[in-house]
C-alpha atoms as a PDB file:
ATOM      1  CA  UNK A   1      -3.367  11.251  19.588  1.00  0.00           C
ATOM      2  CA  UNK A   2      -0.733   8.926  17.593  1.00  0.00           C
ATOM      3  CA  UNK A   3       1.638  10.936  15.457  1.00  0.00           C
ATOM      4  CA  UNK A   4       2.102   8.102  12.824  1.00  0.00           C
ATOM      5  CA  UNK A   5      -1.792   7.662  11.876  1.00  0.00           C
ATOM      6  CA  UNK A   6      -2.183  11.634  12.256  1.00  0.00           C
ATOM      7  CA  UNK A   7       0.868  11.673   9.504  1.00  0.00           C
ATOM      8  CA  UNK A   8      -0.872   9.002   7.395  1.00  0.00           C
ATOM      9  CA  UNK A   9      -4.118  11.104   7.426  1.00  0.00           C
ATOM     10  CA  UNK A  10      -2.465  14.301   6.147  1.00  0.00           C
ATOM     11  CA  UNK A  11      -0.609  12.691   3.755  1.00  0.00           C
ATOM     12  CA  UNK A  12      -3.965  11.005   2.468  1.00  0.00           C
ATOM     13  CA  UNK A  13      -5.511  14.185   2.606  1.00  0.00           C
ATOM     14  CA  UNK A  14      -3.004  16.011   0.549  1.00  0.00           C
ATOM     15  CA  UNK A  15      -3.382  13.233  -2.192  1.00  0.00           C
ATOM     16  CA  UNK A  16      -7.201  13.573  -2.325  1.00  0.00           C
ATOM     17  CA  UNK A  17      -7.284  17.560  -2.473  1.00  0.00           C
ATOM     18  CA  UNK A  18      -4.359  18.524  -4.061  1.00  0.00           C
ATOM     19  CA  UNK A  19      -3.875  15.430  -6.460  1.00  0.00           C
ATOM     20  CA  UNK A  20      -0.535  14.979  -5.413  1.00  0.00           C
ATOM     21  CA  UNK A  21       1.214  11.786  -6.566  1.00  0.00           C
ATOM     22  CA  UNK A  22       1.318   9.408  -3.559  1.00  0.00           C
ATOM     23  CA  UNK A  23       5.100   8.572  -3.317  1.00  0.00           C
ATOM     24  CA  UNK A  24       5.779  12.276  -3.749  1.00  0.00           C
ATOM     25  CA  UNK A  25       3.642  13.483  -0.893  1.00  0.00           C
ATOM     26  CA  UNK A  26       4.930  10.667   1.301  1.00  0.00           C
ATOM     27  CA  UNK A  27       8.510  11.090   0.694  1.00  0.00           C
ATOM     28  CA  UNK A  28       8.204  15.174   0.991  1.00  0.00           C
ATOM     29  CA  UNK A  29       6.158  14.309   4.548  1.00  0.00           C
ATOM     30  CA  UNK A  30       8.772  12.064   5.649  1.00  0.00           C
ATOM     31  CA  UNK A  31      11.667  14.055   4.906  1.00  0.00           C
ATOM     32  CA  UNK A  32      10.207  16.971   6.738  1.00  0.00           C
ATOM     33  CA  UNK A  33       9.809  14.706  10.110  1.00  0.00           C
ATOM     34  CA  UNK A  34      12.860  12.828   9.364  1.00  0.00           C
ATOM     35  CA  UNK A  35      14.581  13.661  12.767  1.00  0.00           C
ATOM     36  CA  UNK A  36      11.087  13.229  14.758  1.00  0.00           C
ATOM     37  CA  UNK A  37      10.423  10.170  13.169  1.00  0.00           C
ATOM     38  CA  UNK A  38      11.801   6.517  14.177  1.00  0.00           C
ATOM     39  CA  UNK A  39      12.073   3.542  12.066  1.00  0.00           C
ATOM     40  CA  UNK A  40       8.718   1.921  13.485  1.00  0.00           C
ATOM     41  CA  UNK A  41       6.627   5.437  12.765  1.00  0.00           C
ATOM     42  CA  UNK A  42       8.257   5.514   9.368  1.00  0.00           C
ATOM     43  CA  UNK A  43       6.863   1.774   8.282  1.00  0.00           C
ATOM     44  CA  UNK A  44       3.580   2.395   9.842  1.00  0.00           C
ATOM     45  CA  UNK A  45       3.195   5.458   7.983  1.00  0.00           C
ATOM     46  CA  UNK A  46       4.131   4.308   4.968  1.00  0.00           C
ATOM     47  CA  UNK A  47       2.196   0.973   5.406  1.00  0.00           C
ATOM     48  CA  UNK A  48      -0.920   2.860   6.364  1.00  0.00           C
ATOM     49  CA  UNK A  49      -0.880   5.065   3.198  1.00  0.00           C
ATOM     50  CA  UNK A  50      -0.103   2.779   0.672  1.00  0.00           C
ATOM     51  CA  UNK A  51      -2.409   0.180   2.186  1.00  0.00           C
ATOM     52  CA  UNK A  52      -4.917   2.416   1.914  1.00  0.00           C
ATOM     53  CA  UNK A  53      -4.415   3.470  -1.539  1.00  0.00           C
ATOM     54  CA  UNK A  54      -4.259   0.004  -2.534  1.00  0.00           C
ATOM     55  CA  UNK A  55      -7.252  -1.243  -0.902  1.00  0.00           C
ATOM     56  CA  UNK A  56      -9.397   1.727  -1.635  1.00  0.00           C
ATOM     57  CA  UNK A  57     -12.001   0.187  -3.881  1.00  0.00           C
ATOM     58  CA  UNK A  58     -12.367  -2.723  -1.300  1.00  0.00           C
ATOM     59  CA  UNK A  59     -12.543  -0.696   1.715  1.00  0.00           C
ATOM     60  CA  UNK A  60     -15.141   1.710   0.169  1.00  0.00           C
ATOM     61  CA  UNK A  61     -17.175  -1.142  -0.750  1.00  0.00           C
ATOM     62  CA  UNK A  62     -17.433  -2.021   3.085  1.00  0.00           C
ATOM     63  CA  UNK A  63     -17.801   1.293   4.671  1.00  0.00           C
ATOM     64  CA  UNK A  64     -20.655   1.884   2.046  1.00  0.00           C
ATOM     65  CA  UNK A  65     -22.190  -0.962   3.622  1.00  0.00           C
ATOM     66  CA  UNK A  66     -22.455   0.126   7.267  1.00  0.00           C
ATOM     67  CA  UNK A  67     -22.988   4.022   6.024  1.00  0.00           C
ATOM     68  CA  UNK A  68     -26.340   5.529   5.246  1.00  0.00           C
ATOM     69  CA  UNK A  69     -24.645   8.455   3.744  1.00  0.00           C
ATOM     70  CA  UNK A  70     -22.889   8.379   0.289  1.00  0.00           C
ATOM     71  CA  UNK A  71     -19.439   8.539   0.358  1.00  0.00           C
ATOM     72  CA  UNK A  72     -18.887  10.944  -2.060  1.00  0.00           C
ATOM     73  CA  UNK A  73     -20.923  13.260   0.269  1.00  0.00           C
ATOM     74  CA  UNK A  74     -18.702  12.969   3.136  1.00  0.00           C
ATOM     75  CA  UNK A  75     -15.841  15.383   3.706  1.00  0.00           C
ATOM     76  CA  UNK A  76     -12.231  14.317   2.800  1.00  0.00           C
ATOM     77  CA  UNK A  77     -11.378  14.317   6.472  1.00  0.00           C
ATOM     78  CA  UNK A  78     -14.279  12.025   7.453  1.00  0.00           C
ATOM     79  CA  UNK A  79     -13.691   9.507   4.484  1.00  0.00           C
ATOM     80  CA  UNK A  80     -10.059   8.983   5.018  1.00  0.00           C
ATOM     81  CA  UNK A  81     -10.172   8.558   8.754  1.00  0.00           C
ATOM     82  CA  UNK A  82     -12.559   5.929   8.171  1.00  0.00           C
ATOM     83  CA  UNK A  83     -10.572   4.215   5.266  1.00  0.00           C
ATOM     84  CA  UNK A  84      -7.507   4.397   7.776  1.00  0.00           C
ATOM     85  CA  UNK A  85      -9.558   2.610  10.310  1.00  0.00           C
ATOM     86  CA  UNK A  86     -11.160   0.172   8.215  1.00  0.00           C
ATOM     87  CA  UNK A  87      -7.580  -0.630   6.908  1.00  0.00           C
ATOM     88  CA  UNK A  88      -6.352  -1.594   9.895  1.00  0.00           C
ATOM     89  CA  UNK A  89      -9.088  -3.524  11.021  1.00  0.00           C
ATOM     90  CA  UNK A  90      -9.225  -5.240   7.625  1.00  0.00           C
ATOM     91  CA  UNK A  91      -5.575  -5.987   6.848  1.00  0.00           C
ATOM     92  CA  UNK A  92      -3.414  -5.358   9.611  1.00  0.00           C
ATOM     93  CA  UNK A  93      -3.254  -8.297  12.061  1.00  0.00           C
ATOM     94  CA  UNK A  94      -1.044  -6.821  14.418  1.00  0.00           C
ATOM     95  CA  UNK A  95      -3.206  -3.834  15.048  1.00  0.00           C
ATOM     96  CA  UNK A  96      -6.154  -4.767  17.731  1.00  0.00           C
ATOM     97  CA  UNK A  97      -9.679  -3.516  16.436  1.00  0.00           C
ATOM     98  CA  UNK A  98     -10.035  -1.320  19.666  1.00  0.00           C
ATOM     99  CA  UNK A  99      -6.726   0.565  18.870  1.00  0.00           C
ATOM    100  CA  UNK A 100      -7.614   1.032  15.112  1.00  0.00           C
ATOM    101  CA  UNK A 101     -11.139   2.528  16.173  1.00  0.00           C
ATOM    102  CA  UNK A 102      -9.737   4.714  19.386  1.00  0.00           C
ATOM    103  CA  UNK A 103      -7.146   6.290  17.726  1.00  0.00           C
ATOM    104  CA  UNK A 104      -9.421   6.867  14.356  1.00  0.00           C
ATOM    105  CA  UNK A 105     -12.106   8.468  16.872  1.00  0.00           C
ATOM    106  CA  UNK A 106      -9.339  10.732  18.331  1.00  0.00           C
ATOM    107  CA  UNK A 107      -8.499  11.802  14.760  1.00  0.00           C
ATOM    108  CA  UNK A 108     -12.049  12.921  14.198  1.00  0.00           C
ATOM    109  CA  UNK A 109     -12.162  14.760  17.548  1.00  0.00           C
ATOM    110  CA  UNK A 110      -9.330  17.173  15.960  1.00  0.00           C
ATOM    111  CA  UNK A 111     -10.131  16.994  12.193  1.00  0.00           C
ATOM    112  CA  UNK A 112     -13.844  16.238  12.109  1.00  0.00           C
ATOM    113  CA  UNK A 113     -15.469  16.921  15.373  1.00  0.00           C
ATOM    114  CA  UNK A 114     -19.142  16.792  14.440  1.00  0.00           C
ATOM    115  CA  UNK A 115     -18.413  13.209  13.185  1.00  0.00           C
ATOM    116  CA  UNK A 116     -16.945  11.437  16.180  1.00  0.00           C
ATOM    117  CA  UNK A 117     -19.945   9.353  16.926  1.00  0.00           C
ATOM    118  CA  UNK A 118     -20.535   8.854  13.137  1.00  0.00           C
ATOM    119  CA  UNK A 119     -16.902   7.531  12.862  1.00  0.00           C
ATOM    120  CA  UNK A 120     -17.125   5.251  16.000  1.00  0.00           C
ATOM    121  CA  UNK A 121     -20.292   3.466  15.056  1.00  0.00           C
ATOM    122  CA  UNK A 122     -18.973   2.645  11.506  1.00  0.00           C
ATOM    123  CA  UNK A 123     -15.803   1.374  12.329  1.00  0.00           C
ATOM    124  CA  UNK A 124     -17.214  -0.932  15.173  1.00  0.00           C
ATOM    125  CA  UNK A 125     -19.549  -2.705  13.072  1.00  0.00           C
ATOM    126  CA  UNK A 126     -16.539  -3.553  10.485  1.00  0.00           C
ATOM    127  CA  UNK A 127     -14.867  -6.791  11.276  1.00  0.00           C
ATOM    128  CA  UNK A 128     -12.628  -9.039   9.122  1.00  0.00           C
ATOM    129  CA  UNK A 129     -15.572 -11.061   7.945  1.00  0.00           C
ATOM    130  CA  UNK A 130     -16.967  -8.459   5.932  1.00  0.00           C
ATOM    131  CA  UNK A 131     -13.834  -9.041   3.418  1.00  0.00           C
ATOM    132  CA  UNK A 132     -14.250 -12.735   3.558  1.00  0.00           C
ATOM    133  CA  UNK A 133     -17.794 -12.349   2.553  1.00  0.00           C
ATOM    134  CA  UNK A 134     -16.981 -10.346  -0.716  1.00  0.00           C
ATOM    135  CA  UNK A 135     -15.600 -13.591  -2.058  1.00  0.00           C
ATOM    136  CA  UNK A 136     -19.015 -15.149  -2.117  1.00  0.00           C
ATOM    137  CA  UNK A 137     -20.473 -12.670  -4.756  1.00  0.00           C
ATOM    138  CA  UNK A 138     -21.494 -14.606  -7.574  1.00  0.00           C
ATOM    139  CA  UNK A 139     -20.883 -12.203 -10.273  1.00  0.00           C
ATOM    140  CA  UNK A 140     -17.031 -13.202 -11.435  1.00  0.00           C
ATOM    141  CA  UNK A 141     -16.158  -9.589 -12.554  1.00  0.00           C
ATOM    142  CA  UNK A 142     -18.107  -7.866  -9.398  1.00  0.00           C
ATOM    143  CA  UNK A 143     -16.222 -10.375  -7.172  1.00  0.00           C
ATOM    144  CA  UNK A 144     -12.486 -10.007  -8.492  1.00  0.00           C
ATOM    145  CA  UNK A 145     -13.048  -6.295  -8.325  1.00  0.00           C
ATOM    146  CA  UNK A 146     -14.109  -6.242  -4.783  1.00  0.00           C
ATOM    147  CA  UNK A 147     -11.833  -8.717  -3.253  1.00  0.00           C
ATOM    148  CA  UNK A 148      -8.859  -7.411  -5.035  1.00  0.00           C
ATOM    149  CA  UNK A 149      -9.633  -3.820  -5.113  1.00  0.00           C
ATOM    150  CA  UNK A 150      -9.187  -3.476  -8.730  1.00  0.00           C
ATOM    151  CA  UNK A 151     -11.280  -1.246 -11.008  1.00  0.00           C
ATOM    152  CA  UNK A 152     -14.251  -2.899 -12.818  1.00  0.00           C
ATOM    153  CA  UNK A 153     -13.085  -1.587 -16.222  1.00  0.00           C
ATOM    154  CA  UNK A 154      -9.744  -3.315 -15.721  1.00  0.00           C
ATOM    155  CA  UNK A 155     -11.224  -6.486 -14.691  1.00  0.00           C
ATOM    156  CA  UNK A 156     -13.276  -6.337 -17.403  1.00  0.00           C
ATOM    157  CA  UNK A 157     -10.588  -5.938 -19.719  1.00  0.00           C
ATOM    158  CA  UNK A 158      -8.616  -8.682 -18.299  1.00  0.00           C
ATOM    159  CA  UNK A 159     -11.567 -11.089 -18.456  1.00  0.00           C
ATOM    160  CA  UNK A 160     -11.734 -10.431 -22.264  1.00  0.00           C
ATOM    161  CA  UNK A 161      -7.837 -11.896 -22.886  1.00  0.00           C
ATOM    162  CA  UNK A 162      -7.592 -14.287 -20.110  1.00  0.00           C
ATOM    163  CA  UNK A 163      -9.316 -17.015 -18.258  1.00  0.00           C
ATOM    164  CA  UNK A 164     -11.062 -16.324 -14.579  1.00  0.00           C
ATOM    165  CA  UNK A 165      -7.880 -18.227 -13.036  1.00  0.00           C
ATOM    166  CA  UNK A 166      -5.470 -16.170 -14.835  1.00  0.00           C
ATOM    167  CA  UNK A 167      -7.316 -13.028 -14.456  1.00  0.00           C
ATOM    168  CA  UNK A 168      -7.544 -13.756 -10.625  1.00  0.00           C
ATOM    169  CA  UNK A 169      -3.698 -14.446 -10.537  1.00  0.00           C
ATOM    170  CA  UNK A 170      -3.100 -11.163 -12.139  1.00  0.00           C
ATOM    171  CA  UNK A 171      -5.218  -9.482  -9.642  1.00  0.00           C
ATOM    172  CA  UNK A 172      -3.235 -11.208  -6.754  1.00  0.00           C
ATOM    173  CA  UNK A 173      -0.068 -10.370  -8.352  1.00  0.00           C
ATOM    174  CA  UNK A 174      -0.879  -6.639  -8.585  1.00  0.00           C
ATOM    175  CA  UNK A 175      -1.533  -6.402  -4.905  1.00  0.00           C
ATOM    176  CA  UNK A 176       1.666  -8.098  -3.523  1.00  0.00           C
ATOM    177  CA  UNK A 177       4.261  -5.531  -2.064  1.00  0.00           C
ATOM    178  CA  UNK A 178       6.526  -4.704  -4.286  1.00  0.00           C
ATOM    179  CA  UNK A 179      10.320  -5.850  -3.233  1.00  0.00           C
ATOM    180  CA  UNK A 180      13.444  -3.586  -3.993  1.00  0.00           C
ATOM    181  CA  UNK A 181      15.353  -5.639  -6.093  1.00  0.00           C
ATOM    182  CA  UNK A 182      18.851  -4.983  -7.343  1.00  0.00           C
ATOM    183  CA  UNK A 183      20.864  -6.530 -10.016  1.00  0.00           C
ATOM    184  CA  UNK A 184      24.676  -7.124  -9.163  1.00  0.00           C
ATOM    185  CA  UNK A 185      27.037  -5.543 -11.752  1.00  0.00           C
ATOM    186  CA  UNK A 186      29.360  -8.582 -12.420  1.00  0.00           C
ATOM    187  CA  UNK A 187      31.673  -6.423 -14.297  1.00  0.00           C
ATOM    188  CA  UNK A 188      32.760  -4.538 -11.182  1.00  0.00           C
ATOM    189  CA  UNK A 189      32.504  -6.935  -8.624  1.00  0.00           C
ATOM    190  CA  UNK A 190      31.496 -10.385  -7.657  1.00  0.00           C
ATOM    191  CA  UNK A 191      28.463 -11.905  -5.518  1.00  0.00           C
ATOM    192  CA  UNK A 192      30.495 -12.868  -2.567  1.00  0.00           C
ATOM    193  CA  UNK A 193      32.220  -9.507  -2.344  1.00  0.00           C
ATOM    194  CA  UNK A 194      29.160  -7.472  -2.777  1.00  0.00           C
ATOM    195  CA  UNK A 195      27.284  -9.490  -0.163  1.00  0.00           C
ATOM    196  CA  UNK A 196      30.234  -8.594   2.145  1.00  0.00           C
ATOM    197  CA  UNK A 197      29.823  -4.894   1.633  1.00  0.00           C
ATOM    198  CA  UNK A 198      26.187  -5.063   2.368  1.00  0.00           C
ATOM    199  CA  UNK A 199      26.762  -6.879   5.780  1.00  0.00           C
ATOM    200  CA  UNK A 200      29.293  -4.206   6.457  1.00  0.00           C
ATOM    201  CA  UNK A 201      26.476  -1.851   6.087  1.00  0.00           C
ATOM    202  CA  UNK A 202      24.012  -3.554   8.002  1.00  0.00           C
ATOM    203  CA  UNK A 203      21.588  -3.825   4.930  1.00  0.00           C
ATOM    204  CA  UNK A 204      19.369  -6.800   5.049  1.00  0.00           C
ATOM    205  CA  UNK A 205      19.042  -8.607   1.820  1.00  0.00           C
ATOM    206  CA  UNK A 206      17.540 -11.719   0.580  1.00  0.00           C
ATOM    207  CA  UNK A 207      18.876 -13.824  -2.246  1.00  0.00           C
ATOM    208  CA  UNK A 208      16.396 -14.901  -5.410  1.00  0.00           C
ATOM    209  CA  UNK A 209      16.293 -17.635  -7.947  1.00  0.00           C
ATOM    210  CA  UNK A 210      18.770 -15.489  -9.960  1.00  0.00           C
ATOM    211  CA  UNK A 211      22.289 -15.627  -8.791  1.00  0.00           C
ATOM    212  CA  UNK A 212      22.717 -12.073  -9.970  1.00  0.00           C
ATOM    213  CA  UNK A 213      19.557 -10.422  -8.529  1.00  0.00           C
ATOM    214  CA  UNK A 214      19.245  -9.631  -4.656  1.00  0.00           C
ATOM    215  CA  UNK A 215      15.865  -8.583  -2.637  1.00  0.00           C
ATOM    216  CA  UNK A 216      16.908  -5.588  -0.446  1.00  0.00           C
ATOM    217  CA  UNK A 217      14.562  -5.176   2.729  1.00  0.00           C
ATOM    218  CA  UNK A 218      15.560  -2.342   4.885  1.00  0.00           C
ATOM    219  CA  UNK A 219      16.711   0.730   2.644  1.00  0.00           C
ATOM    220  CA  UNK A 220      14.473   3.716   1.553  1.00  0.00           C
ATOM    221  CA  UNK A 221      16.889   5.636  -0.743  1.00  0.00           C
ATOM    222  CA  UNK A 222      18.897   3.057  -2.834  1.00  0.00           C
ATOM    223  CA  UNK A 223      20.040   5.824  -4.966  1.00  0.00           C
ATOM    224  CA  UNK A 224      21.932   7.315  -2.485  1.00  0.00           C
ATOM    225  CA  UNK A 225      24.097   4.451  -1.362  1.00  0.00           C
ATOM    226  CA  UNK A 226      27.728   4.603  -2.362  1.00  0.00           C
ATOM    227  CA  UNK A 227      27.565   1.313  -3.782  1.00  0.00           C
ATOM    228  CA  UNK A 228      24.925   2.500  -6.104  1.00  0.00           C
ATOM    229  CA  UNK A 229      26.579   5.440  -7.190  1.00  0.00           C
ATOM    230  CA  UNK A 230      29.947   3.291  -7.881  1.00  0.00           C
ATOM    231  CA  UNK A 231      28.140   1.160 -10.236  1.00  0.00           C
ATOM    232  CA  UNK A 232      28.184  -2.034  -8.179  1.00  0.00           C
ATOM    233  CA  UNK A 233      24.635  -2.647  -9.028  1.00  0.00           C
ATOM    234  CA  UNK A 234      21.680  -1.489 -10.816  1.00  0.00           C
ATOM    235  CA  UNK A 235      17.743  -1.333  -9.398  1.00  0.00           C
ATOM    236  CA  UNK A 236      15.996  -3.925 -11.703  1.00  0.00           C
ATOM    237  CA  UNK A 237      12.741  -5.771 -10.969  1.00  0.00           C
ATOM    238  CA  UNK A 238      13.627  -9.650 -11.303  1.00  0.00           C
ATOM    239  CA  UNK A 239       9.807  -9.869 -12.350  1.00  0.00           C
ATOM    240  CA  UNK A 240      10.775  -7.966 -15.553  1.00  0.00           C
ATOM    241  CA  UNK A 241      11.147 -11.463 -17.223  1.00  0.00           C
ATOM    242  CA  UNK A 242       7.193 -11.941 -16.192  1.00  0.00           C
ATOM    243  CA  UNK A 243       5.652  -9.208 -18.876  1.00  0.00           C
ATOM    244  CA  UNK A 244       2.197 -11.042 -18.947  1.00  0.00           C
ATOM    245  CA  UNK A 245       1.707  -9.913 -15.304  1.00  0.00           C
ATOM    246  CA  UNK A 246       3.648  -7.011 -14.899  1.00  0.00           C
ATOM    247  CA  UNK A 247       1.818  -5.047 -17.371  1.00  0.00           C
ATOM    248  CA  UNK A 248      -1.354  -5.136 -15.863  1.00  0.00           C
ATOM    249  CA  UNK A 249       0.147  -4.731 -12.357  1.00  0.00           C
ATOM    250  CA  UNK A 250       1.567  -1.571 -13.732  1.00  0.00           C
ATOM    251  CA  UNK A 251      -1.652  -0.302 -15.437  1.00  0.00           C
ATOM    252  CA  UNK A 252      -3.359  -1.167 -12.116  1.00  0.00           C
ATOM    253  CA  UNK A 253      -0.767   0.779  -9.882  1.00  0.00           C
ATOM    254  CA  UNK A 254      -0.828   3.997 -12.220  1.00  0.00           C
ATOM    255  CA  UNK A 255      -4.706   3.715 -11.602  1.00  0.00           C
ATOM    256  CA  UNK A 256      -3.965   4.757  -8.057  1.00  0.00           C
ATOM    257  CA  UNK A 257      -0.973   7.071  -8.321  1.00  0.00           C
ATOM    258  CA  UNK A 258      -3.072  10.246  -7.823  1.00  0.00           C
ATOM    259  CA  UNK A 259      -5.380   8.722  -5.462  1.00  0.00           C
END
């Protein structure tokens, strides 16, 4: 059984059953198994957990399309195994459908043995076209909610204040994977020297349109870096200057923190 997918299942189960915050539950799990996990495992676990949470409403819509059993009547183990499998099929291009289905079936054998055939049957029916077809929904509110995995009530509120195009842009923005962005403390160090220090530590970065901001790519615990402790930079979102989009993106993300 794939350890990374089993780990993601355990984290999602804890979030559902114990109502734990997703970031805390994930961090605690990763820290507990840090010595056993490599970078690839950590990225896959994190990707599946956050991806499944982010796209939960969309995934559930597609699962219910093929299941005669209401999702709310399924056990947490079965439902999360289905969600993990569906997320990989629908949104992870680098994961073959066969692998997503087979690993989900393996998880079922251990955590929901009576539902192995059920899980296998549902996931084999799901295809990327199921997601594409959501964009054909005529009702604007329902379409935006389904396509972007946004709560209906939030889409309704957005449409009261913004045009359909603006609302859709906000929905798109809220689903973008957030980047870790730092702001250089120019009172202590200039850009050239902090880039040298990042290179020395083999920290990947990407320059932005603002010369005092950098996107950091491969660091999980920014607060533990000596560069941060020495006050050479602060962690600050360059998008803070876009409150129109950020306010609603934050509201939407807060909706899922305990899911």
